[in-house]
């Protein structure tokens, strides 16, 4: 959820200040998506290993 808020904020800044450069927005969105997926995978692995 936090990653989506941050990505929206970055997208807004990108559109307002950087002049709608879509290439930078794609890089930022892809980076945040990968970080979110890795975070979820680590959370799932932690849950499975600890058996909570």
PDB file of N, CA and C in Angstrom:
ATOM      1  N   UNK A   1       0.824  -1.193   0.000  1.00  0.00           N
ATOM      2  CA  UNK A   1       0.000   0.000   0.000  1.00  0.00           C
ATOM      3  C   UNK A   1       0.873   1.264   0.000  1.00  0.00           C
ATOM      4  N   UNK A   2       1.913   1.227   0.826  1.00  0.00           N
ATOM      5  CA  UNK A   2       2.812   2.389   0.892  1.00  0.00           C
ATOM      6  C   UNK A   2       3.516   2.594  -0.449  1.00  0.00           C
ATOM      7  N   UNK A   3       3.887   1.493  -1.099  1.00  0.00           N
ATOM      8  CA  UNK A   3       4.570   1.601  -2.397  1.00  0.00           C
ATOM      9  C   UNK A   3       3.674   2.266  -3.437  1.00  0.00           C
ATOM     10  N   UNK A   4       2.369   1.973  -3.381  1.00  0.00           N
ATOM     11  CA  UNK A   4       1.455   2.593  -4.339  1.00  0.00           C
ATOM     12  C   UNK A   4       1.316   4.090  -4.077  1.00  0.00           C
ATOM     13  N   UNK A   5       1.280   4.478  -2.814  1.00  0.00           N
ATOM     14  CA  UNK A   5       1.198   5.899  -2.475  1.00  0.00           C
ATOM     15  C   UNK A   5       2.463   6.622  -2.944  1.00  0.00           C
ATOM     16  N   UNK A   6       3.616   6.001  -2.687  1.00  0.00           N
ATOM     17  CA  UNK A   6       4.883   6.607  -3.105  1.00  0.00           C
ATOM     18  C   UNK A   6       4.965   6.679  -4.622  1.00  0.00           C
ATOM     19  N   UNK A   7       4.538   5.613  -5.303  1.00  0.00           N
ATOM     20  CA  UNK A   7       4.603   5.624  -6.768  1.00  0.00           C
ATOM     21  C   UNK A   7       3.667   6.676  -7.348  1.00  0.00           C
ATOM     22  N   UNK A   8       2.487   6.869  -6.724  1.00  0.00           N
ATOM     23  CA  UNK A   8       1.580   7.911  -7.198  1.00  0.00           C
ATOM     24  C   UNK A   8       2.209   9.287  -7.001  1.00  0.00           C
ATOM     25  N   UNK A   9       2.834   9.491  -5.835  1.00  0.00           N
ATOM     26  CA  UNK A   9       3.481  10.766  -5.558  1.00  0.00           C
ATOM     27  C   UNK A   9       4.598  11.037  -6.566  1.00  0.00           C
ATOM     28  N   UNK A  10       5.402  10.017  -6.857  1.00  0.00           N
ATOM     29  CA  UNK A  10       6.482  10.159  -7.832  1.00  0.00           C
ATOM     30  C   UNK A  10       5.918  10.418  -9.216  1.00  0.00           C
ATOM     31  N   UNK A  11       4.827   9.729  -9.564  1.00  0.00           N
ATOM     32  CA  UNK A  11       4.185   9.937 -10.864  1.00  0.00           C
ATOM     33  C   UNK A  11       3.676  11.366 -10.984  1.00  0.00           C
ATOM     34  N   UNK A  12       3.068  11.887  -9.906  1.00  0.00           N
ATOM     35  CA  UNK A  12       2.554  13.249  -9.919  1.00  0.00           C
ATOM     36  C   UNK A  12       3.684  14.253 -10.103  1.00  0.00           C
ATOM     37  N   UNK A  13       4.775  14.052  -9.349  1.00  0.00           N
ATOM     38  CA  UNK A  13       5.938  14.938  -9.493  1.00  0.00           C
ATOM     39  C   UNK A  13       6.494  14.840 -10.911  1.00  0.00           C
ATOM     40  N   UNK A  14       6.542  13.622 -11.423  1.00  0.00           N
ATOM     41  CA  UNK A  14       7.070  13.410 -12.773  1.00  0.00           C
ATOM     42  C   UNK A  14       6.247  14.173 -13.807  1.00  0.00           C
ATOM     43  N   UNK A  15       4.929  14.108 -13.684  1.00  0.00           N
ATOM     44  CA  UNK A  15       4.068  14.790 -14.649  1.00  0.00           C
ATOM     45  C   UNK A  15       4.098  16.304 -14.481  1.00  0.00           C
ATOM     46  N   UNK A  16       4.169  16.794 -13.266  1.00  0.00           N
ATOM     47  CA  UNK A  16       4.103  18.231 -13.032  1.00  0.00           C
ATOM     48  C   UNK A  16       5.448  18.927 -13.272  1.00  0.00           C
ATOM     49  N   UNK A  17       6.518  18.319 -12.829  1.00  0.00           N
ATOM     50  CA  UNK A  17       7.824  18.988 -12.842  1.00  0.00           C
ATOM     51  C   UNK A  17       8.685  18.540 -14.019  1.00  0.00           C
ATOM     52  N   UNK A  18       8.734  17.262 -14.264  1.00  0.00           N
ATOM     53  CA  UNK A  18       9.653  16.739 -15.276  1.00  0.00           C
ATOM     54  C   UNK A  18       9.076  16.754 -16.684  1.00  0.00           C
ATOM     55  N   UNK A  19       7.841  17.178 -16.846  1.00  0.00           N
ATOM     56  CA  UNK A  19       7.288  17.348 -18.184  1.00  0.00           C
ATOM     57  C   UNK A  19       6.809  16.073 -18.834  1.00  0.00           C
ATOM     58  N   UNK A  20       6.171  15.204 -18.081  1.00  0.00           N
ATOM     59  CA  UNK A  20       5.510  14.002 -18.611  1.00  0.00           C
ATOM     60  C   UNK A  20       6.470  13.093 -19.360  1.00  0.00           C
ATOM     61  N   UNK A  21       7.638  12.862 -18.772  1.00  0.00           N
ATOM     62  CA  UNK A  21       8.585  11.932 -19.369  1.00  0.00           C
ATOM     63  C   UNK A  21       8.187  10.514 -18.953  1.00  0.00           C
ATOM     64  N   UNK A  22       7.543   9.794 -19.854  1.00  0.00           N
ATOM     65  CA  UNK A  22       6.978   8.483 -19.512  1.00  0.00           C
ATOM     66  C   UNK A  22       8.051   7.432 -19.270  1.00  0.00           C
ATOM     67  N   UNK A  23       9.210   7.573 -19.875  1.00  0.00           N
ATOM     68  CA  UNK A  23      10.272   6.585 -19.686  1.00  0.00           C
ATOM     69  C   UNK A  23      10.717   6.548 -18.230  1.00  0.00           C
ATOM     70  N   UNK A  24      10.890   7.702 -17.609  1.00  0.00           N
ATOM     71  CA  UNK A  24      11.292   7.755 -16.203  1.00  0.00           C
ATOM     72  C   UNK A  24      10.183   7.161 -15.326  1.00  0.00           C
ATOM     73  N   UNK A  25       8.940   7.475 -15.651  1.00  0.00           N
ATOM     74  CA  UNK A  25       7.813   6.946 -14.869  1.00  0.00           C
ATOM     75  C   UNK A  25       7.780   5.422 -14.942  1.00  0.00           C
ATOM     76  N   UNK A  26       8.034   4.865 -16.102  1.00  0.00           N
ATOM     77  CA  UNK A  26       8.041   3.401 -16.242  1.00  0.00           C
ATOM     78  C   UNK A  26       9.149   2.783 -15.406  1.00  0.00           C
ATOM     79  N   UNK A  27      10.312   3.385 -15.409  1.00  0.00           N
ATOM     80  CA  UNK A  27      11.426   2.863 -14.614  1.00  0.00           C
ATOM     81  C   UNK A  27      11.073   2.900 -13.125  1.00  0.00           C
ATOM     82  N   UNK A  28      10.500   4.001 -12.676  1.00  0.00           N
ATOM     83  CA  UNK A  28      10.135   4.135 -11.267  1.00  0.00           C
ATOM     84  C   UNK A  28       9.063   3.123 -10.890  1.00  0.00           C
ATOM     85  N   UNK A  29       8.041   2.985 -11.720  1.00  0.00           N
ATOM     86  CA  UNK A  29       6.957   2.039 -11.425  1.00  0.00           C
ATOM     87  C   UNK A  29       7.475   0.613 -11.418  1.00  0.00           C
ATOM     88  N   UNK A  30       8.326   0.261 -12.367  1.00  0.00           N
ATOM     89  CA  UNK A  30       8.889  -1.083 -12.395  1.00  0.00           C
ATOM     90  C   UNK A  30       9.742  -1.351 -11.167  1.00  0.00           C
ATOM     91  N   UNK A  31      10.535  -0.383 -10.762  1.00  0.00           N
ATOM     92  CA  UNK A  31      11.381  -0.550  -9.582  1.00  0.00           C
ATOM     93  C   UNK A  31      10.534  -0.754  -8.334  1.00  0.00           C
ATOM     94  N   UNK A  32       9.532   0.076  -8.152  1.00  0.00           N
ATOM     95  CA  UNK A  32       8.672  -0.061  -6.976  1.00  0.00           C
ATOM     96  C   UNK A  32       7.888  -1.372  -7.000  1.00  0.00           C
ATOM     97  N   UNK A  33       7.478  -1.810  -8.182  1.00  0.00           N
ATOM     98  CA  UNK A  33       6.762  -3.081  -8.288  1.00  0.00           C
ATOM     99  C   UNK A  33       7.656  -4.246  -7.882  1.00  0.00           C
ATOM    100  N   UNK A  34       8.891  -4.241  -8.367  1.00  0.00           N
ATOM    101  CA  UNK A  34       9.823  -5.315  -8.025  1.00  0.00           C
ATOM    102  C   UNK A  34      10.105  -5.315  -6.529  1.00  0.00           C
ATOM    103  N   UNK A  35      10.295  -4.134  -5.942  1.00  0.00           N
ATOM    104  CA  UNK A  35      10.548  -4.045  -4.504  1.00  0.00           C
ATOM    105  C   UNK A  35       9.353  -4.570  -3.721  1.00  0.00           C
ATOM    106  N   UNK A  36       8.137  -4.233  -4.160  1.00  0.00           N
ATOM    107  CA  UNK A  36       6.933  -4.711  -3.479  1.00  0.00           C
ATOM    108  C   UNK A  36       6.810  -6.231  -3.566  1.00  0.00           C
ATOM    109  N   UNK A  37       7.093  -6.794  -4.730  1.00  0.00           N
ATOM    110  CA  UNK A  37       7.009  -8.246  -4.905  1.00  0.00           C
ATOM    111  C   UNK A  37       8.034  -8.952  -4.032  1.00  0.00           C
ATOM    112  N   UNK A  38       9.252  -8.424  -3.988  1.00  0.00           N
ATOM    113  CA  UNK A  38      10.289  -9.023  -3.139  1.00  0.00           C
ATOM    114  C   UNK A  38       9.872  -8.949  -1.670  1.00  0.00           C
ATOM    115  N   UNK A  39       9.318  -7.826  -1.254  1.00  0.00           N
ATOM    116  CA  UNK A  39       8.862  -7.673   0.127  1.00  0.00           C
ATOM    117  C   UNK A  39       7.774  -8.702   0.454  1.00  0.00           C
ATOM    118  N   UNK A  40       6.826  -8.883  -0.464  1.00  0.00           N
ATOM    119  CA  UNK A  40       5.762  -9.870  -0.241  1.00  0.00           C
ATOM    120  C   UNK A  40       6.326 -11.286  -0.189  1.00  0.00           C
ATOM    121  N   UNK A  41       7.286 -11.599  -1.063  1.00  0.00           N
ATOM    122  CA  UNK A  41       7.887 -12.933  -1.052  1.00  0.00           C
ATOM    123  C   UNK A  41       8.608 -13.206   0.266  1.00  0.00           C
ATOM    124  N   UNK A  42       9.350 -12.213   0.751  1.00  0.00           N
ATOM    125  CA  UNK A  42      10.028 -12.384   2.038  1.00  0.00           C
ATOM    126  C   UNK A  42       9.026 -12.540   3.176  1.00  0.00           C
ATOM    127  N   UNK A  43       7.919 -11.819   3.114  1.00  0.00           N
ATOM    128  CA  UNK A  43       6.884 -11.953   4.124  1.00  0.00           C
ATOM    129  C   UNK A  43       6.268 -13.338   4.127  1.00  0.00           C
ATOM    130  N   UNK A  44       6.002 -13.876   2.931  1.00  0.00           N
ATOM    131  CA  UNK A  44       5.426 -15.213   2.814  1.00  0.00           C
ATOM    132  C   UNK A  44       6.419 -16.252   3.310  1.00  0.00           C
ATOM    133  N   UNK A  45       7.688 -16.117   2.911  1.00  0.00           N
ATOM    134  CA  UNK A  45       8.711 -17.059   3.371  1.00  0.00           C
ATOM    135  C   UNK A  45       8.869 -17.005   4.893  1.00  0.00           C
ATOM    136  N   UNK A  46       8.845 -15.821   5.464  1.00  0.00           N
ATOM    137  CA  UNK A  46       8.950 -15.675   6.907  1.00  0.00           C
ATOM    138  C   UNK A  46       7.767 -16.358   7.591  1.00  0.00           C
ATOM    139  N   UNK A  47       6.590 -16.183   7.036  1.00  0.00           N
ATOM    140  CA  UNK A  47       5.396 -16.817   7.606  1.00  0.00           C
ATOM    141  C   UNK A  47       5.500 -18.338   7.555  1.00  0.00           C
ATOM    142  N   UNK A  48       5.964 -18.861   6.410  1.00  0.00           N
ATOM    143  CA  UNK A  48       6.066 -20.311   6.250  1.00  0.00           C
ATOM    144  C   UNK A  48       7.154 -20.909   7.136  1.00  0.00           C
ATOM    145  N   UNK A  49       8.288 -20.229   7.244  1.00  0.00           N
ATOM    146  CA  UNK A  49       9.400 -20.744   8.026  1.00  0.00           C
ATOM    147  C   UNK A  49       9.105 -20.702   9.518  1.00  0.00           C
ATOM    148  N   UNK A  50       8.536 -19.571   9.984  1.00  0.00           N
ATOM    149  CA  UNK A  50       8.265 -19.437  11.402  1.00  0.00           C
ATOM    150  C   UNK A  50       7.024 -20.199  11.831  1.00  0.00           C
ATOM    151  N   UNK A  51       6.116 -20.420  10.896  1.00  0.00           N
ATOM    152  CA  UNK A  51       4.917 -21.189  11.195  1.00  0.00           C
ATOM    153  C   UNK A  51       3.986 -20.503  12.188  1.00  0.00           C
ATOM    154  N   UNK A  52       3.851 -19.205  12.052  1.00  0.00           N
ATOM    155  CA  UNK A  52       3.016 -18.456  12.993  1.00  0.00           C
ATOM    156  C   UNK A  52       1.574 -18.732  12.775  1.00  0.00           C
TER     157      UNK A  52
END
